[in-house]
C-alpha atoms as a PDB file:
ATOM      1  CA  MET A   1      29.053  -5.282  25.443  1.00  0.00           C
ATOM      2  CA  SER A   2      26.799  -6.954  22.874  1.00  0.00           C
ATOM      3  CA  GLU A   3      23.442  -8.157  24.209  1.00  0.00           C
ATOM      4  CA  LEU A   4      24.450 -11.666  23.112  1.00  0.00           C
ATOM      5  CA  GLU A   5      27.692 -11.554  25.090  1.00  0.00           C
ATOM      6  CA  THR A   6      26.251 -10.871  28.538  1.00  0.00           C
ATOM      7  CA  TYR A   7      26.302 -13.524  31.251  1.00  0.00           C
ATOM      8  CA  VAL A   8      22.547 -14.121  31.148  1.00  0.00           C
ATOM      9  CA  ALA A   9      22.493 -14.383  27.351  1.00  0.00           C
ATOM     10  CA  LYS A  10      25.267 -16.970  27.437  1.00  0.00           C
ATOM     11  CA  GLN A  11      23.464 -18.931  30.141  1.00  0.00           C
ATOM     12  CA  VAL A  12      20.256 -19.069  28.143  1.00  0.00           C
ATOM     13  CA  LYS A  13      22.139 -19.994  24.980  1.00  0.00           C
ATOM     14  CA  SER A  14      23.833 -22.857  26.814  1.00  0.00           C
ATOM     15  CA  TYR A  15      20.887 -24.242  28.773  1.00  0.00           C
ATOM     16  CA  ASP A  16      17.680 -23.041  27.078  1.00  0.00           C
ATOM     17  CA  TYR A  17      18.587 -22.786  23.402  1.00  0.00           C
ATOM     18  CA  ASP A  18      15.023 -22.771  22.078  1.00  0.00           C
ATOM     19  CA  ARG A  19      14.167 -19.714  24.139  1.00  0.00           C
ATOM     20  CA  PHE A  20      17.483 -18.144  23.142  1.00  0.00           C
ATOM     21  CA  LEU A  21      16.508 -18.407  19.473  1.00  0.00           C
ATOM     22  CA  ILE A  22      12.973 -17.158  20.092  1.00  0.00           C
ATOM     23  CA  THR A  23      14.314 -14.153  21.990  1.00  0.00           C
ATOM     24  CA  LEU A  24      16.336 -13.099  18.937  1.00  0.00           C
ATOM     25  CA  PHE A  25      13.019 -12.321  17.222  1.00  0.00           C
ATOM     26  CA  SER A  26      11.809 -10.177  20.134  1.00  0.00           C
ATOM     27  CA  PRO A  27      12.073  -6.375  20.184  1.00  0.00           C
ATOM     28  CA  ALA A  28      15.707  -5.371  20.712  1.00  0.00           C
ATOM     29  CA  SER A  29      14.848  -3.362  23.808  1.00  0.00           C
ATOM     30  CA  ALA A  30      13.412  -6.473  25.495  1.00  0.00           C
ATOM     31  CA  ARG A  31      16.073  -9.058  24.707  1.00  0.00           C
ATOM     32  CA  GLU A  32      18.445  -8.535  27.632  1.00  0.00           C
ATOM     33  CA  HIS A  33      15.504  -8.440  30.039  1.00  0.00           C
ATOM     34  CA  LEU A  34      14.155 -11.694  28.583  1.00  0.00           C
ATOM     35  CA  PHE A  35      17.578 -13.306  28.896  1.00  0.00           C
ATOM     36  CA  ALA A  36      17.660 -12.247  32.556  1.00  0.00           C
ATOM     37  CA  LEU A  37      14.210 -13.752  33.129  1.00  0.00           C
ATOM     38  CA  TYR A  38      15.084 -17.048  31.457  1.00  0.00           C
ATOM     39  CA  ALA A  39      18.418 -17.216  33.303  1.00  0.00           C
ATOM     40  CA  PHE A  40      16.483 -16.818  36.559  1.00  0.00           C
ATOM     41  CA  ASN A  41      14.231 -19.661  35.451  1.00  0.00           C
ATOM     42  CA  HIS A  42      17.250 -21.868  34.803  1.00  0.00           C
ATOM     43  CA  GLU A  43      18.637 -21.086  38.252  1.00  0.00           C
ATOM     44  CA  VAL A  44      15.508 -22.216  40.085  1.00  0.00           C
ATOM     45  CA  ALA A  45      14.822 -25.126  37.727  1.00  0.00           C
ATOM     46  CA  LYS A  46      18.269 -26.677  38.225  1.00  0.00           C
ATOM     47  CA  ILE A  47      18.052 -26.794  42.021  1.00  0.00           C
ATOM     48  CA  ARG A  48      16.913 -30.424  42.096  1.00  0.00           C
ATOM     49  CA  GLU A  49      20.051 -31.648  40.324  1.00  0.00           C
ATOM     50  CA  ALA A  50      22.329 -29.325  42.295  1.00  0.00           C
ATOM     51  CA  VAL A  51      21.455 -30.551  45.805  1.00  0.00           C
ATOM     52  CA  SER A  52      21.848 -33.872  47.546  1.00  0.00           C
ATOM     53  CA  GLU A  53      18.770 -33.613  49.764  1.00  0.00           C
ATOM     54  CA  SER A  54      15.460 -31.800  49.799  1.00  0.00           C
ATOM     55  CA  MET A  55      16.288 -29.564  52.776  1.00  0.00           C
ATOM     56  CA  LEU A  56      19.170 -28.040  50.823  1.00  0.00           C
ATOM     57  CA  GLY A  57      16.767 -27.435  47.988  1.00  0.00           C
ATOM     58  CA  GLU A  58      14.394 -25.629  50.338  1.00  0.00           C
ATOM     59  CA  ILE A  59      17.280 -23.421  51.485  1.00  0.00           C
ATOM     60  CA  ARG A  60      18.144 -22.473  47.899  1.00  0.00           C
ATOM     61  CA  LEU A  61      14.529 -21.678  47.096  1.00  0.00           C
ATOM     62  CA  GLN A  62      14.359 -19.455  50.162  1.00  0.00           C
ATOM     63  CA  TRP A  63      17.524 -17.709  48.995  1.00  0.00           C
ATOM     64  CA  TRP A  64      15.755 -16.858  45.746  1.00  0.00           C
ATOM     65  CA  ARG A  65      12.631 -15.654  47.550  1.00  0.00           C
ATOM     66  CA  GLU A  66      14.770 -13.268  49.563  1.00  0.00           C
ATOM     67  CA  ALA A  67      16.662 -12.253  46.430  1.00  0.00           C
ATOM     68  CA  ILE A  68      13.406 -11.325  44.686  1.00  0.00           C
ATOM     69  CA  GLU A  69      12.307  -9.365  47.748  1.00  0.00           C
ATOM     70  CA  GLY A  70      15.643  -7.528  47.599  1.00  0.00           C
ATOM     71  CA  ILE A  71      15.069  -6.662  43.959  1.00  0.00           C
ATOM     72  CA  TYR A  72      11.694  -5.104  44.723  1.00  0.00           C
ATOM     73  CA  ALA A  73      13.153  -3.276  47.722  1.00  0.00           C
ATOM     74  CA  ASP A  74      15.713  -1.830  45.275  1.00  0.00           C
ATOM     75  CA  GLN A  75      18.485  -3.641  47.140  1.00  0.00           C
ATOM     76  CA  PRO A  76      19.579  -6.334  44.668  1.00  0.00           C
ATOM     77  CA  ARG A  77      22.184  -8.883  45.661  1.00  0.00           C
ATOM     78  CA  ASN A  78      25.494  -8.834  43.818  1.00  0.00           C
ATOM     79  CA  HIS A  79      24.771 -11.836  41.595  1.00  0.00           C
ATOM     80  CA  GLU A  80      25.215 -12.402  37.845  1.00  0.00           C
ATOM     81  CA  VAL A  81      21.495 -13.023  37.328  1.00  0.00           C
ATOM     82  CA  ILE A  82      20.021 -10.836  40.070  1.00  0.00           C
ATOM     83  CA  LEU A  83      21.542  -7.573  38.805  1.00  0.00           C
ATOM     84  CA  PRO A  84      20.181  -7.758  35.219  1.00  0.00           C
ATOM     85  CA  LEU A  85      16.892  -9.103  36.579  1.00  0.00           C
ATOM     86  CA  HIS A  86      16.704  -6.028  38.828  1.00  0.00           C
ATOM     87  CA  ARG A  87      17.034  -3.823  35.735  1.00  0.00           C
ATOM     88  CA  ALA A  88      14.257  -5.768  34.024  1.00  0.00           C
ATOM     89  CA  VAL A  89      11.939  -5.386  37.015  1.00  0.00           C
ATOM     90  CA  ARG A  90      12.723  -1.688  37.355  1.00  0.00           C
ATOM     91  CA  GLU A  91      12.227  -0.878  33.671  1.00  0.00           C
ATOM     92  CA  CYS A  92       9.273  -3.170  32.925  1.00  0.00           C
ATOM     93  CA  GLY A  93       7.251  -3.062  36.154  1.00  0.00           C
ATOM     94  CA  LEU A  94       7.067  -6.840  36.483  1.00  0.00           C
ATOM     95  CA  ASP A  95       4.644  -8.526  38.862  1.00  0.00           C
ATOM     96  CA  GLN A  96       6.511  -9.636  42.006  1.00  0.00           C
ATOM     97  CA  GLN A  97       3.923 -12.270  42.895  1.00  0.00           C
ATOM     98  CA  LEU A  98       4.552 -14.110  39.626  1.00  0.00           C
ATOM     99  CA  PHE A  99       8.191 -14.576  40.613  1.00  0.00           C
ATOM    100  CA  MET A 100       7.177 -15.847  44.033  1.00  0.00           C
ATOM    101  CA  ASP A 101       4.641 -18.224  42.486  1.00  0.00           C
ATOM    102  CA  ILE A 102       7.331 -19.661  40.201  1.00  0.00           C
ATOM    103  CA  ILE A 103       9.680 -20.242  43.125  1.00  0.00           C
ATOM    104  CA  ASN A 104       6.938 -21.781  45.253  1.00  0.00           C
ATOM    105  CA  ALA A 105       5.864 -24.092  42.426  1.00  0.00           C
ATOM    106  CA  ARG A 106       9.471 -25.274  42.057  1.00  0.00           C
ATOM    107  CA  THR A 107       9.229 -26.765  45.544  1.00  0.00           C
ATOM    108  CA  ALA A 108       7.634 -29.799  43.894  1.00  0.00           C
ATOM    109  CA  ASP A 109      10.855 -30.411  41.967  1.00  0.00           C
ATOM    110  CA  ILE A 110      12.954 -31.160  45.021  1.00  0.00           C
ATOM    111  CA  TYR A 111      10.762 -34.015  46.283  1.00  0.00           C
ATOM    112  CA  ASP A 112      10.362 -37.439  44.677  1.00  0.00           C
ATOM    113  CA  GLU A 113       6.563 -37.541  44.869  1.00  0.00           C
ATOM    114  CA  ASN A 114       4.743 -36.968  41.604  1.00  0.00           C
ATOM    115  CA  PRO A 115       1.532 -34.890  41.445  1.00  0.00           C
ATOM    116  CA  LYS A 116      -1.528 -36.776  42.670  1.00  0.00           C
ATOM    117  CA  THR A 117      -4.019 -35.398  40.146  1.00  0.00           C
ATOM    118  CA  LEU A 118      -4.025 -33.898  36.684  1.00  0.00           C
ATOM    119  CA  ASN A 119      -5.208 -30.658  38.253  1.00  0.00           C
ATOM    120  CA  ASP A 120      -2.103 -30.662  40.495  1.00  0.00           C
ATOM    121  CA  PHE A 121       0.086 -31.275  37.446  1.00  0.00           C
ATOM    122  CA  GLU A 122      -1.573 -28.433  35.516  1.00  0.00           C
ATOM    123  CA  ASN A 123      -1.134 -26.125  38.503  1.00  0.00           C
ATOM    124  CA  TYR A 124       2.571 -26.984  38.504  1.00  0.00           C
ATOM    125  CA  LEU A 125       2.909 -26.314  34.769  1.00  0.00           C
ATOM    126  CA  GLY A 126       1.053 -23.042  35.146  1.00  0.00           C
ATOM    127  CA  GLY A 127       2.943 -22.037  38.277  1.00  0.00           C
ATOM    128  CA  THR A 128       6.287 -22.543  36.563  1.00  0.00           C
ATOM    129  CA  SER A 129       6.183 -22.219  32.776  1.00  0.00           C
ATOM    130  CA  GLY A 130       2.826 -20.422  32.591  1.00  0.00           C
ATOM    131  CA  ASN A 131       3.846 -17.645  34.948  1.00  0.00           C
ATOM    132  CA  LEU A 132       7.223 -17.369  33.249  1.00  0.00           C
ATOM    133  CA  MET A 133       5.501 -16.616  29.953  1.00  0.00           C
ATOM    134  CA  LYS A 134       3.269 -14.004  31.594  1.00  0.00           C
ATOM    135  CA  LEU A 135       6.382 -12.247  32.867  1.00  0.00           C
ATOM    136  CA  ALA A 136       7.963 -12.496  29.411  1.00  0.00           C
ATOM    137  CA  ALA A 137       4.868 -10.891  27.897  1.00  0.00           C
ATOM    138  CA  GLN A 138       5.060  -8.093  30.478  1.00  0.00           C
ATOM    139  CA  ILE A 139       8.686  -7.494  29.504  1.00  0.00           C
ATOM    140  CA  ILE A 140       7.635  -7.048  25.894  1.00  0.00           C
ATOM    141  CA  GLY A 141       5.110  -4.475  27.079  1.00  0.00           C
ATOM    142  CA  GLU A 142       1.881  -6.473  27.101  1.00  0.00           C
ATOM    143  CA  ASN A 143      -0.696  -5.618  29.764  1.00  0.00           C
ATOM    144  CA  ASP A 144      -3.912  -6.899  28.201  1.00  0.00           C
ATOM    145  CA  GLN A 145      -5.264  -9.562  30.559  1.00  0.00           C
ATOM    146  CA  HIS A 146      -6.590 -11.754  27.754  1.00  0.00           C
ATOM    147  CA  VAL A 147      -3.220 -11.826  25.996  1.00  0.00           C
ATOM    148  CA  LEU A 148      -1.469 -12.508  29.299  1.00  0.00           C
ATOM    149  CA  SER A 149      -3.872 -15.424  29.806  1.00  0.00           C
ATOM    150  CA  LEU A 150      -2.959 -16.767  26.358  1.00  0.00           C
ATOM    151  CA  ALA A 151       0.735 -16.458  27.267  1.00  0.00           C
ATOM    152  CA  TYR A 152       0.041 -18.420  30.447  1.00  0.00           C
ATOM    153  CA  ASP A 153      -1.690 -21.188  28.448  1.00  0.00           C
ATOM    154  CA  MET A 154       1.158 -21.267  25.955  1.00  0.00           C
ATOM    155  CA  GLY A 155       3.588 -21.656  28.828  1.00  0.00           C
ATOM    156  CA  MET A 156       1.577 -24.587  30.157  1.00  0.00           C
ATOM    157  CA  VAL A 157       1.751 -26.307  26.766  1.00  0.00           C
ATOM    158  CA  TRP A 158       5.489 -25.664  26.545  1.00  0.00           C
ATOM    159  CA  GLY A 159       5.914 -27.070  30.027  1.00  0.00           C
ATOM    160  CA  LEU A 160       3.869 -30.167  29.221  1.00  0.00           C
ATOM    161  CA  ILE A 161       5.858 -30.901  26.080  1.00  0.00           C
ATOM    162  CA  GLY A 162       9.052 -30.209  27.985  1.00  0.00           C
ATOM    163  CA  THR A 163       8.036 -32.762  30.627  1.00  0.00           C
ATOM    164  CA  ILE A 164       7.594 -35.413  27.947  1.00  0.00           C
ATOM    165  CA  ARG A 165      10.856 -34.482  26.232  1.00  0.00           C
ATOM    166  CA  SER A 166      12.721 -34.541  29.571  1.00  0.00           C
ATOM    167  CA  ILE A 167      11.571 -37.986  30.692  1.00  0.00           C
ATOM    168  CA  ARG A 168      15.102 -39.448  30.539  1.00  0.00           C
ATOM    169  CA  TYR A 169      16.492 -36.506  32.495  1.00  0.00           C
ATOM    170  CA  HIS A 170      13.816 -36.873  35.172  1.00  0.00           C
ATOM    171  CA  ILE A 171      14.579 -40.582  35.441  1.00  0.00           C
ATOM    172  CA  SER A 172      18.215 -39.682  36.112  1.00  0.00           C
ATOM    173  CA  LEU A 173      16.913 -37.664  39.085  1.00  0.00           C
ATOM    174  CA  ASN A 174      14.718 -40.546  40.251  1.00  0.00           C
ATOM    175  CA  LYS A 175      11.694 -38.429  39.401  1.00  0.00           C
ATOM    176  CA  VAL A 176       8.407 -39.090  37.610  1.00  0.00           C
ATOM    177  CA  SER A 177       6.559 -35.856  36.879  1.00  0.00           C
ATOM    178  CA  PHE A 178       3.290 -37.155  35.404  1.00  0.00           C
ATOM    179  CA  SER A 179       0.288 -37.117  37.723  1.00  0.00           C
ATOM    180  CA  GLN A 180      -0.714 -40.338  39.448  1.00  0.00           C
ATOM    181  CA  ASP A 181      -4.280 -40.304  38.151  1.00  0.00           C
ATOM    182  CA  VAL A 182      -3.007 -40.085  34.562  1.00  0.00           C
ATOM    183  CA  LEU A 183      -0.589 -42.956  35.196  1.00  0.00           C
ATOM    184  CA  ASP A 184      -3.478 -44.969  36.635  1.00  0.00           C
ATOM    185  CA  GLU A 185      -5.781 -44.112  33.738  1.00  0.00           C
ATOM    186  CA  TYR A 186      -3.308 -45.545  31.232  1.00  0.00           C
ATOM    187  CA  LYS A 187      -2.188 -48.379  33.531  1.00  0.00           C
ATOM    188  CA  VAL A 188       1.377 -47.094  33.647  1.00  0.00           C
ATOM    189  CA  GLN A 189       3.483 -47.941  36.670  1.00  0.00           C
ATOM    190  CA  LYS A 190       6.516 -45.933  37.713  1.00  0.00           C
ATOM    191  CA  LYS A 191       8.718 -48.989  37.257  1.00  0.00           C
ATOM    192  CA  ASP A 192       7.608 -49.103  33.617  1.00  0.00           C
ATOM    193  CA  ILE A 193       8.924 -45.583  33.111  1.00  0.00           C
ATOM    194  CA  PHE A 194      12.197 -46.263  34.908  1.00  0.00           C
ATOM    195  CA  ALA A 195      12.717 -49.353  32.745  1.00  0.00           C
ATOM    196  CA  MET A 196      12.839 -47.083  29.645  1.00  0.00           C
ATOM    197  CA  ASP A 197      11.607 -49.908  27.427  1.00  0.00           C
ATOM    198  CA  GLU A 198       9.024 -49.665  24.672  1.00  0.00           C
ATOM    199  CA  ASN A 199       5.679 -49.825  26.426  1.00  0.00           C
ATOM    200  CA  GLU A 200       2.296 -49.483  24.742  1.00  0.00           C
ATOM    201  CA  ASN A 201       0.679 -47.991  27.834  1.00  0.00           C
ATOM    202  CA  ILE A 202       3.321 -45.284  28.066  1.00  0.00           C
ATOM    203  CA  LYS A 203       2.899 -44.544  24.364  1.00  0.00           C
ATOM    204  CA  SER A 204      -0.865 -44.260  24.812  1.00  0.00           C
ATOM    205  CA  MET A 205      -0.386 -41.907  27.750  1.00  0.00           C
ATOM    206  CA  VAL A 206       2.031 -39.694  25.819  1.00  0.00           C
ATOM    207  CA  LYS A 207      -0.324 -39.636  22.838  1.00  0.00           C
ATOM    208  CA  GLY A 208      -3.170 -38.528  25.095  1.00  0.00           C
ATOM    209  CA  LEU A 209      -1.047 -35.739  26.591  1.00  0.00           C
ATOM    210  CA  CYS A 210       0.075 -34.639  23.133  1.00  0.00           C
ATOM    211  CA  THR A 211      -3.542 -34.500  21.972  1.00  0.00           C
ATOM    212  CA  SER A 212      -4.325 -32.242  24.910  1.00  0.00           C
ATOM    213  CA  ALA A 213      -1.369 -30.006  23.986  1.00  0.00           C
ATOM    214  CA  GLU A 214      -2.572 -29.818  20.377  1.00  0.00           C
ATOM    215  CA  GLN A 215      -5.999 -28.684  21.520  1.00  0.00           C
ATOM    216  CA  TYR A 216      -4.498 -25.903  23.630  1.00  0.00           C
ATOM    217  CA  LEU A 217      -2.288 -24.820  20.722  1.00  0.00           C
ATOM    218  CA  ALA A 218      -5.282 -24.721  18.367  1.00  0.00           C
ATOM    219  CA  GLN A 219      -7.141 -22.427  20.760  1.00  0.00           C
ATOM    220  CA  ILE A 220      -4.137 -20.128  21.075  1.00  0.00           C
ATOM    221  CA  THR A 221      -3.413 -19.884  17.348  1.00  0.00           C
ATOM    222  CA  ASN A 222      -7.095 -19.204  16.626  1.00  0.00           C
ATOM    223  CA  GLU A 223      -6.719 -16.001  18.619  1.00  0.00           C
ATOM    224  CA  LYS A 224      -3.482 -14.786  17.074  1.00  0.00           C
ATOM    225  CA  LYS A 225      -5.271 -11.761  15.610  1.00  0.00           C
ATOM    226  CA  CYS A 226      -5.420 -10.235  19.083  1.00  0.00           C
ATOM    227  CA  LEU A 227      -1.628 -10.404  19.409  1.00  0.00           C
ATOM    228  CA  SER A 228       0.446  -7.322  18.696  1.00  0.00           C
ATOM    229  CA  LYS A 229       3.451  -7.627  16.391  1.00  0.00           C
ATOM    230  CA  GLU A 230       5.768  -7.267  19.385  1.00  0.00           C
ATOM    231  CA  VAL A 231       4.228  -9.928  21.602  1.00  0.00           C
ATOM    232  CA  ARG A 232       3.691 -12.314  18.698  1.00  0.00           C
ATOM    233  CA  SER A 233       7.416 -13.048  18.777  1.00  0.00           C
ATOM    234  CA  LEU A 234       6.904 -14.660  22.189  1.00  0.00           C
ATOM    235  CA  PHE A 235       4.248 -16.939  20.736  1.00  0.00           C
ATOM    236  CA  LEU A 236       6.834 -18.518  18.451  1.00  0.00           C
ATOM    237  CA  HIS A 237       6.872 -21.072  21.265  1.00  0.00           C
ATOM    238  CA  CYS A 238       3.748 -22.399  19.540  1.00  0.00           C
ATOM    239  CA  ALA A 239       5.652 -23.129  16.338  1.00  0.00           C
ATOM    240  CA  LEU A 240       8.372 -25.020  18.181  1.00  0.00           C
ATOM    241  CA  SER A 241       5.768 -26.843  20.270  1.00  0.00           C
ATOM    242  CA  LYS A 242       4.137 -28.129  17.091  1.00  0.00           C
ATOM    243  CA  SER A 243       7.523 -29.230  15.800  1.00  0.00           C
ATOM    244  CA  TYR A 244       8.192 -31.260  18.946  1.00  0.00           C
ATOM    245  CA  LEU A 245       4.703 -32.777  18.785  1.00  0.00           C
ATOM    246  CA  ASN A 246       5.366 -33.848  15.192  1.00  0.00           C
ATOM    247  CA  ALA A 247       8.660 -35.417  16.278  1.00  0.00           C
ATOM    248  CA  LEU A 248       6.853 -37.406  18.978  1.00  0.00           C
ATOM    249  CA  LYS A 249       4.239 -38.521  16.456  1.00  0.00           C
ATOM    250  CA  LYS A 250       6.962 -39.790  14.120  1.00  0.00           C
ATOM    251  CA  VAL A 251       8.287 -42.136  16.815  1.00  0.00           C
ATOM    252  CA  ASP A 252       4.755 -43.354  17.565  1.00  0.00           C
ATOM    253  CA  TYR A 253       4.725 -41.380  20.845  1.00  0.00           C
ATOM    254  CA  ASP A 254       7.555 -43.401  22.344  1.00  0.00           C
ATOM    255  CA  PRO A 255       9.446 -40.743  24.347  1.00  0.00           C
ATOM    256  CA  PHE A 256      12.489 -42.983  24.663  1.00  0.00           C
ATOM    257  CA  LYS A 257      12.948 -42.998  20.878  1.00  0.00           C
ATOM    258  CA  LEU A 258      12.813 -39.234  20.527  1.00  0.00           C
ATOM    259  CA  ASP A 259      15.978 -37.977  18.788  1.00  0.00           C
ATOM    260  CA  GLU A 260      15.870 -34.189  18.871  1.00  0.00           C
ATOM    261  CA  LYS A 261      19.275 -33.719  17.251  1.00  0.00           C
ATOM    262  CA  SER A 262      18.079 -35.240  13.990  1.00  0.00           C
ATOM    263  CA  SER A 263      15.232 -32.725  13.770  1.00  0.00           C
ATOM    264  CA  THR A 264      17.194 -29.635  14.823  1.00  0.00           C
ATOM    265  CA  PHE A 265      17.540 -28.102  11.354  1.00  0.00           C
ATOM    266  CA  PRO A 266      13.896 -28.511  10.242  1.00  0.00           C
ATOM    267  CA  ARG A 267      12.751 -27.282  13.662  1.00  0.00           C
ATOM    268  CA  GLN A 268      14.845 -24.142  13.355  1.00  0.00           C
ATOM    269  CA  CYS A 269      13.660 -23.633   9.778  1.00  0.00           C
ATOM    270  CA  ARG A 270      10.091 -23.797  11.026  1.00  0.00           C
ATOM    271  CA  LEU A 271      10.883 -21.189  13.660  1.00  0.00           C
ATOM    272  CA  PHE A 272      12.444 -18.875  11.060  1.00  0.00           C
ATOM    273  CA  PHE A 273       9.569 -19.133   8.601  1.00  0.00           C
ATOM    274  CA  SER A 274       7.012 -18.774  11.387  1.00  0.00           C
ATOM    275  CA  ALA A 275       8.707 -15.546  12.428  1.00  0.00           C
ATOM    276  CA  LEU A 276       8.990 -14.362   8.823  1.00  0.00           C
ATOM    277  CA  PHE A 277       5.400 -15.032   7.811  1.00  0.00           C
ATOM    278  CA  GLY A 278       3.657 -14.668  11.162  1.00  0.00           C
ATOM    279  CA  VAL A 279       2.437 -18.272  11.222  1.00  0.00           C
ATOM    280  CA  LEU A 280       2.129 -19.784  14.691  1.00  0.00           C
END
């Protein structure tokens, strides 16, 4: 079976297309393992929308904790994602605690409360997307702690931009993911977000968050010389992050006016040329 025809590859292609495209530029030996990792991420990320109450969400998260324990005990459950993830763990020596940290961080998803502080929000982004990128780097064969730290930071940026891009989706789940102190700083009330109207305070908040993301990206790209050719493919997330930031800038940082379909082709062109010329 082709690596693009497996269950996990199809799941990632359907639900995480950006990462699907980025994975195509990764070493061939790592692609199926990366698809398994990202399919696992989709499974735990979708729990909020799949359950009707938080207790059911807690039960599903516990199921995944036990599933990860089974993988590391070499007793994987018979599941479309667990089995290829078991192969990835076995062949790449992935850190079990990173999986557990991702699952534990996802607990915040199943409750309506938003993070209280920016530090809480950053811990969530790091616990989910940051740790995911560390695992992805390990799959590619990276074990340098500095590079793994850069992967973690890149994951945080990707998670932050994803939170902004997903604001309509979060509203559909009755969820606001921005921290309360940031909302207070920009005088944004939750009802303003749920109204989905043009709001100068929301635009100012999004601009401030985007500026923070740009600063992180600048720090990461300044250190690209320390990235091996293999792991650099993972950092193509930086190129797509910059594309999304440009799209937000074009709509004056109004997240409700963001039209990602109209920028799909130039975004994918940027990804291709970034991969071709090594520009992050």
